[in-house]
Amino acid sequence: MSHSSRFPLASRWASTVTILVLLAATAVILLTMGRVPICTCGEVKLWTGDVISADNSQHLSDWYTPSHIIHGFLFYWLFHVATPGLSTGWRAVGATVIEAAWEILENSPIIIDRYREATIAVGYTGDSVINSVADIGWMLAGFWLALRLPVAVTVFLALAMEVLAAIVIRDNLTLNVLMLVWPLDSVREWQQELAP
């Protein structure tokens, strides 16, 4: 019998506290990197839908939020398969570590410059800290949904979010990864048609 199965409540508390510490540490690291705490517009919005604006990636949710929810789906499955003996709480900690590391990397000069040169995010300057922390929260929401929902429903939701984002903003998780790793002029031109 594992330690976590003998003390499930203690394990849940420990994993929850660890996630909160990781969120705080991520915020501190991002602030140290020079990221702005909130949008320079001085507001914190629940949602912003204009991806071709200074508001994008600055508030609590936007058209890239579905990508982070899908991260949660993927991380849930990854840890479910790779760590069968680990409790769900500690799997969520592992998912948080990966997402936090991505948020830090995403806001580093190398990735910001890559977005500017390879994608439609020409004026991208990085995320606000509140947006990055919210993105980790959305990933955890996706992780929780994947835990609770049947696999078929989770797959359907992921596909629906990818298709909707592709239709509305001509970008999504799949296209974002593609354009970072293997930029295609045809995709970039199609995405740029959205710009006013």
C-alpha atoms as a PDB file:
ATOM      1  CA  MET A   1       0.000   0.000   0.000  1.00  0.00           C
ATOM      2  CA  SER A   2       1.424   3.367  -1.016  1.00  0.00           C
ATOM      3  CA  HIS A   3       1.830   6.284   1.368  1.00  0.00           C
ATOM      4  CA  SER A   4      -0.740   8.354  -0.594  1.00  0.00           C
ATOM      5  CA  SER A   5      -3.377   5.601  -0.455  1.00  0.00           C
ATOM      6  CA  ARG A   6      -3.019   5.335   3.343  1.00  0.00           C
ATOM      7  CA  PHE A   7      -3.317   9.116   3.755  1.00  0.00           C
ATOM      8  CA  PRO A   8      -5.534  10.279   0.859  1.00  0.00           C
ATOM      9  CA  LEU A   9      -6.635  13.553   2.499  1.00  0.00           C
ATOM     10  CA  ALA A  10      -3.059  14.486   3.417  1.00  0.00           C
ATOM     11  CA  SER A  11      -1.950  13.664  -0.125  1.00  0.00           C
ATOM     12  CA  ARG A  12      -4.736  15.816  -1.626  1.00  0.00           C
ATOM     13  CA  TRP A  13      -3.800  18.744   0.590  1.00  0.00           C
ATOM     14  CA  ALA A  14      -0.107  18.345  -0.201  1.00  0.00           C
ATOM     15  CA  SER A  15      -0.695  18.219  -3.956  1.00  0.00           C
ATOM     16  CA  THR A  16      -3.075  21.209  -3.810  1.00  0.00           C
ATOM     17  CA  VAL A  17      -0.587  23.279  -1.799  1.00  0.00           C
ATOM     18  CA  THR A  18       2.179  22.271  -4.220  1.00  0.00           C
ATOM     19  CA  ILE A  19       0.096  23.489  -7.174  1.00  0.00           C
ATOM     20  CA  LEU A  20      -0.548  26.822  -5.427  1.00  0.00           C
ATOM     21  CA  VAL A  21       3.186  27.198  -4.698  1.00  0.00           C
ATOM     22  CA  LEU A  22       3.969  26.436  -8.359  1.00  0.00           C
ATOM     23  CA  LEU A  23       1.470  29.109  -9.494  1.00  0.00           C
ATOM     24  CA  ALA A  24       3.026  31.675  -7.152  1.00  0.00           C
ATOM     25  CA  ALA A  25       6.566  30.702  -8.203  1.00  0.00           C
ATOM     26  CA  THR A  26       5.619  31.002 -11.877  1.00  0.00           C
ATOM     27  CA  ALA A  27       4.207  34.487 -11.279  1.00  0.00           C
ATOM     28  CA  VAL A  28       7.374  35.554  -9.444  1.00  0.00           C
ATOM     29  CA  ILE A  29       9.625  34.176 -12.193  1.00  0.00           C
ATOM     30  CA  LEU A  30       7.599  35.943 -14.888  1.00  0.00           C
ATOM     31  CA  LEU A  31       7.698  39.225 -12.972  1.00  0.00           C
ATOM     32  CA  THR A  32      11.468  38.811 -12.571  1.00  0.00           C
ATOM     33  CA  MET A  33      11.674  38.307 -16.352  1.00  0.00           C
ATOM     34  CA  GLY A  34      10.037  41.721 -16.785  1.00  0.00           C
ATOM     35  CA  ARG A  35       6.526  40.566 -17.701  1.00  0.00           C
ATOM     36  CA  VAL A  36       3.759  43.036 -16.844  1.00  0.00           C
ATOM     37  CA  PRO A  37       1.463  41.916 -13.993  1.00  0.00           C
ATOM     38  CA  ILE A  38      -1.731  42.859 -15.861  1.00  0.00           C
ATOM     39  CA  CYS A  39      -2.596  44.403 -19.199  1.00  0.00           C
ATOM     40  CA  THR A  40      -0.934  47.786 -19.663  1.00  0.00           C
ATOM     41  CA  CYS A  41      -4.446  49.069 -20.421  1.00  0.00           C
ATOM     42  CA  GLY A  42      -4.984  48.947 -16.640  1.00  0.00           C
ATOM     43  CA  GLU A  43      -7.941  46.545 -16.795  1.00  0.00           C
ATOM     44  CA  VAL A  44      -8.433  42.866 -16.050  1.00  0.00           C
ATOM     45  CA  LYS A  45     -11.071  41.417 -18.352  1.00  0.00           C
ATOM     46  CA  LEU A  46     -12.683  38.009 -18.033  1.00  0.00           C
ATOM     47  CA  TRP A  47     -12.645  37.632 -21.840  1.00  0.00           C
ATOM     48  CA  THR A  48     -11.129  39.383 -24.809  1.00  0.00           C
ATOM     49  CA  GLY A  49     -11.954  38.154 -28.284  1.00  0.00           C
ATOM     50  CA  ASP A  50      -9.820  40.349 -30.539  1.00  0.00           C
ATOM     51  CA  VAL A  51      -6.633  38.437 -31.356  1.00  0.00           C
ATOM     52  CA  ILE A  52      -5.284  41.278 -33.513  1.00  0.00           C
ATOM     53  CA  SER A  53      -5.044  43.714 -30.597  1.00  0.00           C
ATOM     54  CA  ALA A  54      -2.895  44.664 -27.628  1.00  0.00           C
ATOM     55  CA  ASP A  55      -5.489  42.935 -25.399  1.00  0.00           C
ATOM     56  CA  ASN A  56      -4.647  39.476 -26.727  1.00  0.00           C
ATOM     57  CA  SER A  57      -2.875  37.251 -24.175  1.00  0.00           C
ATOM     58  CA  GLN A  58      -3.251  39.925 -21.501  1.00  0.00           C
ATOM     59  CA  HIS A  59      -6.470  38.972 -19.706  1.00  0.00           C
ATOM     60  CA  LEU A  60      -8.074  35.949 -18.013  1.00  0.00           C
ATOM     61  CA  SER A  61      -9.295  34.258 -21.176  1.00  0.00           C
ATOM     62  CA  ASP A  62      -9.166  34.671 -24.942  1.00  0.00           C
ATOM     63  CA  TRP A  63      -9.271  32.580 -28.100  1.00  0.00           C
ATOM     64  CA  TYR A  64      -6.122  30.740 -26.983  1.00  0.00           C
ATOM     65  CA  THR A  65      -7.798  29.512 -23.784  1.00  0.00           C
ATOM     66  CA  PRO A  66      -9.131  26.375 -25.564  1.00  0.00           C
ATOM     67  CA  SER A  67      -5.520  25.421 -26.363  1.00  0.00           C
ATOM     68  CA  HIS A  68      -4.701  25.401 -22.656  1.00  0.00           C
ATOM     69  CA  ILE A  69      -7.796  23.350 -21.856  1.00  0.00           C
ATOM     70  CA  ILE A  70      -6.620  20.843 -24.476  1.00  0.00           C
ATOM     71  CA  HIS A  71      -3.181  20.837 -22.815  1.00  0.00           C
ATOM     72  CA  GLY A  72      -5.015  19.646 -19.703  1.00  0.00           C
ATOM     73  CA  PHE A  73      -6.682  16.834 -21.661  1.00  0.00           C
ATOM     74  CA  LEU A  74      -3.337  15.740 -23.094  1.00  0.00           C
ATOM     75  CA  PHE A  75      -1.477  15.959 -19.782  1.00  0.00           C
ATOM     76  CA  TYR A  76      -4.195  13.965 -18.028  1.00  0.00           C
ATOM     77  CA  TRP A  77      -3.822  11.147 -20.575  1.00  0.00           C
ATOM     78  CA  LEU A  78      -0.015  11.369 -20.506  1.00  0.00           C
ATOM     79  CA  PHE A  79       0.176  10.995 -16.722  1.00  0.00           C
ATOM     80  CA  HIS A  80      -2.626   8.415 -16.663  1.00  0.00           C
ATOM     81  CA  VAL A  81      -0.596   6.183 -18.980  1.00  0.00           C
ATOM     82  CA  ALA A  82       2.930   7.029 -17.761  1.00  0.00           C
ATOM     83  CA  THR A  83       2.334   7.079 -13.986  1.00  0.00           C
ATOM     84  CA  PRO A  84      -0.385   4.528 -13.143  1.00  0.00           C
ATOM     85  CA  GLY A  85       0.653   4.314  -9.474  1.00  0.00           C
ATOM     86  CA  LEU A  86       0.583   8.064  -8.883  1.00  0.00           C
ATOM     87  CA  SER A  87      -2.450   9.753  -7.337  1.00  0.00           C
ATOM     88  CA  THR A  88      -4.522  12.121  -9.466  1.00  0.00           C
ATOM     89  CA  GLY A  89      -3.413  15.071  -7.335  1.00  0.00           C
ATOM     90  CA  TRP A  90       0.261  14.413  -7.974  1.00  0.00           C
ATOM     91  CA  ARG A  91      -0.439  13.851 -11.659  1.00  0.00           C
ATOM     92  CA  ALA A  92      -2.015  17.323 -11.646  1.00  0.00           C
ATOM     93  CA  VAL A  93       1.167  18.629 -10.027  1.00  0.00           C
ATOM     94  CA  GLY A  94       3.181  17.104 -12.884  1.00  0.00           C
ATOM     95  CA  ALA A  95       0.847  18.715 -15.421  1.00  0.00           C
ATOM     96  CA  THR A  96       1.231  22.058 -13.633  1.00  0.00           C
ATOM     97  CA  VAL A  97       5.026  21.798 -13.790  1.00  0.00           C
ATOM     98  CA  ILE A  98       4.910  21.237 -17.563  1.00  0.00           C
ATOM     99  CA  GLU A  99       2.406  24.045 -18.192  1.00  0.00           C
ATOM    100  CA  ALA A 100       4.287  26.473 -15.931  1.00  0.00           C
ATOM    101  CA  ALA A 101       7.558  25.647 -17.702  1.00  0.00           C
ATOM    102  CA  TRP A 102       5.853  26.346 -21.047  1.00  0.00           C
ATOM    103  CA  GLU A 103       4.478  29.686 -19.808  1.00  0.00           C
ATOM    104  CA  ILE A 104       7.982  30.710 -18.716  1.00  0.00           C
ATOM    105  CA  LEU A 105       9.538  29.546 -22.001  1.00  0.00           C
ATOM    106  CA  GLU A 106       6.730  31.127 -24.050  1.00  0.00           C
ATOM    107  CA  ASN A 107       7.553  34.502 -22.492  1.00  0.00           C
ATOM    108  CA  SER A 108      11.292  34.236 -23.101  1.00  0.00           C
ATOM    109  CA  PRO A 109      12.862  36.348 -25.862  1.00  0.00           C
ATOM    110  CA  ILE A 110      13.615  33.288 -28.018  1.00  0.00           C
ATOM    111  CA  ILE A 111       9.954  32.204 -28.245  1.00  0.00           C
ATOM    112  CA  ILE A 112       8.557  35.756 -28.453  1.00  0.00           C
ATOM    113  CA  ASP A 113      10.909  36.410 -31.402  1.00  0.00           C
ATOM    114  CA  ARG A 114       9.946  33.073 -32.963  1.00  0.00           C
ATOM    115  CA  TYR A 115       6.245  33.962 -32.747  1.00  0.00           C
ATOM    116  CA  ARG A 116       6.952  37.309 -34.411  1.00  0.00           C
ATOM    117  CA  GLU A 117       8.925  35.854 -37.302  1.00  0.00           C
ATOM    118  CA  ALA A 118       7.070  32.587 -37.934  1.00  0.00           C
ATOM    119  CA  THR A 119       3.423  33.261 -37.066  1.00  0.00           C
ATOM    120  CA  ILE A 120       0.755  35.933 -37.508  1.00  0.00           C
ATOM    121  CA  ALA A 121       1.653  37.377 -34.072  1.00  0.00           C
ATOM    122  CA  VAL A 122       3.795  40.131 -35.599  1.00  0.00           C
ATOM    123  CA  GLY A 123       3.406  42.554 -32.690  1.00  0.00           C
ATOM    124  CA  TYR A 124       3.435  39.910 -29.961  1.00  0.00           C
ATOM    125  CA  THR A 125       5.274  41.074 -26.842  1.00  0.00           C
ATOM    126  CA  GLY A 126       4.460  38.199 -24.492  1.00  0.00           C
ATOM    127  CA  ASP A 127       1.720  37.462 -21.986  1.00  0.00           C
ATOM    128  CA  SER A 128       0.822  39.363 -18.866  1.00  0.00           C
ATOM    129  CA  VAL A 129       1.483  37.468 -15.637  1.00  0.00           C
ATOM    130  CA  ILE A 130      -2.229  37.221 -14.885  1.00  0.00           C
ATOM    131  CA  ASN A 131      -2.821  35.699 -18.326  1.00  0.00           C
ATOM    132  CA  SER A 132      -0.050  33.135 -17.827  1.00  0.00           C
ATOM    133  CA  VAL A 133      -1.375  32.132 -14.396  1.00  0.00           C
ATOM    134  CA  ALA A 134      -4.906  31.948 -15.809  1.00  0.00           C
ATOM    135  CA  ASP A 135      -3.608  29.755 -18.658  1.00  0.00           C
ATOM    136  CA  ILE A 136      -2.267  27.300 -16.072  1.00  0.00           C
ATOM    137  CA  GLY A 137      -5.684  27.416 -14.385  1.00  0.00           C
ATOM    138  CA  TRP A 138      -7.405  26.636 -17.692  1.00  0.00           C
ATOM    139  CA  MET A 139      -5.031  23.707 -18.208  1.00  0.00           C
ATOM    140  CA  LEU A 140      -6.038  22.395 -14.758  1.00  0.00           C
ATOM    141  CA  ALA A 141      -9.703  22.802 -15.742  1.00  0.00           C
ATOM    142  CA  GLY A 142      -8.998  20.658 -18.819  1.00  0.00           C
ATOM    143  CA  PHE A 143      -7.196  18.106 -16.649  1.00  0.00           C
ATOM    144  CA  TRP A 144     -10.229  17.935 -14.337  1.00  0.00           C
ATOM    145  CA  LEU A 145     -12.634  17.586 -17.295  1.00  0.00           C
ATOM    146  CA  ALA A 146     -10.544  14.735 -18.733  1.00  0.00           C
ATOM    147  CA  LEU A 147     -10.688  13.040 -15.321  1.00  0.00           C
ATOM    148  CA  ARG A 148     -14.485  13.336 -15.149  1.00  0.00           C
ATOM    149  CA  LEU A 149     -15.659  12.926 -18.743  1.00  0.00           C
ATOM    150  CA  PRO A 150     -15.723   9.835 -20.957  1.00  0.00           C
ATOM    151  CA  VAL A 151     -12.792   9.682 -23.375  1.00  0.00           C
ATOM    152  CA  ALA A 152     -15.085  10.062 -26.403  1.00  0.00           C
ATOM    153  CA  VAL A 153     -16.576  13.283 -24.986  1.00  0.00           C
ATOM    154  CA  THR A 154     -13.119  14.676 -24.208  1.00  0.00           C
ATOM    155  CA  VAL A 155     -11.906  13.900 -27.738  1.00  0.00           C
ATOM    156  CA  PHE A 156     -15.041  15.494 -29.201  1.00  0.00           C
ATOM    157  CA  LEU A 157     -14.544  18.648 -27.086  1.00  0.00           C
ATOM    158  CA  ALA A 158     -10.880  18.915 -28.131  1.00  0.00           C
ATOM    159  CA  LEU A 159     -11.753  18.573 -31.824  1.00  0.00           C
ATOM    160  CA  ALA A 160     -14.671  21.013 -31.515  1.00  0.00           C
ATOM    161  CA  MET A 161     -12.457  23.635 -29.836  1.00  0.00           C
ATOM    162  CA  GLU A 162      -9.739  23.198 -32.474  1.00  0.00           C
ATOM    163  CA  VAL A 163     -12.233  23.547 -35.335  1.00  0.00           C
ATOM    164  CA  LEU A 164     -14.003  26.553 -33.773  1.00  0.00           C
ATOM    165  CA  ALA A 165     -10.729  28.403 -33.141  1.00  0.00           C
ATOM    166  CA  ALA A 166      -9.529  27.629 -36.684  1.00  0.00           C
ATOM    167  CA  ILE A 167     -12.761  29.044 -38.122  1.00  0.00           C
ATOM    168  CA  VAL A 168     -12.922  32.155 -35.931  1.00  0.00           C
ATOM    169  CA  ILE A 169      -9.258  33.192 -35.570  1.00  0.00           C
ATOM    170  CA  ARG A 170      -7.514  30.905 -38.099  1.00  0.00           C
ATOM    171  CA  ASP A 171      -5.315  29.577 -35.323  1.00  0.00           C
ATOM    172  CA  ASN A 172      -5.479  26.823 -32.726  1.00  0.00           C
ATOM    173  CA  LEU A 173      -3.173  24.504 -30.793  1.00  0.00           C
ATOM    174  CA  THR A 174      -2.326  22.365 -33.840  1.00  0.00           C
ATOM    175  CA  LEU A 175      -1.571  25.359 -36.079  1.00  0.00           C
ATOM    176  CA  ASN A 176       0.329  27.105 -33.283  1.00  0.00           C
ATOM    177  CA  VAL A 177       2.668  24.127 -32.840  1.00  0.00           C
ATOM    178  CA  LEU A 178       3.023  23.686 -36.601  1.00  0.00           C
ATOM    179  CA  MET A 179       3.938  27.327 -37.168  1.00  0.00           C
ATOM    180  CA  LEU A 180       6.450  27.356 -34.319  1.00  0.00           C
ATOM    181  CA  VAL A 181       8.175  24.156 -35.439  1.00  0.00           C
ATOM    182  CA  TRP A 182       7.665  24.110 -39.222  1.00  0.00           C
ATOM    183  CA  PRO A 183       6.290  27.430 -40.499  1.00  0.00           C
ATOM    184  CA  LEU A 184       4.419  27.202 -43.796  1.00  0.00           C
ATOM    185  CA  ASP A 185       3.993  30.269 -45.976  1.00  0.00           C
ATOM    186  CA  SER A 186       0.601  29.037 -47.181  1.00  0.00           C
ATOM    187  CA  VAL A 187      -0.708  28.815 -43.608  1.00  0.00           C
ATOM    188  CA  ARG A 188       0.752  32.207 -42.675  1.00  0.00           C
ATOM    189  CA  GLU A 189      -0.838  33.843 -45.735  1.00  0.00           C
ATOM    190  CA  TRP A 190      -4.215  32.242 -44.926  1.00  0.00           C
ATOM    191  CA  GLN A 191      -3.948  33.473 -41.322  1.00  0.00           C
ATOM    192  CA  GLN A 192      -2.922  36.979 -42.392  1.00  0.00           C
ATOM    193  CA  GLU A 193      -6.106  37.361 -44.421  1.00  0.00           C
ATOM    194  CA  LEU A 194      -7.859  37.777 -41.058  1.00  0.00           C
ATOM    195  CA  ALA A 195      -5.912  40.958 -40.280  1.00  0.00           C
ATOM    196  CA  PRO A 196      -7.766  44.208 -41.026  1.00  0.00           C
END
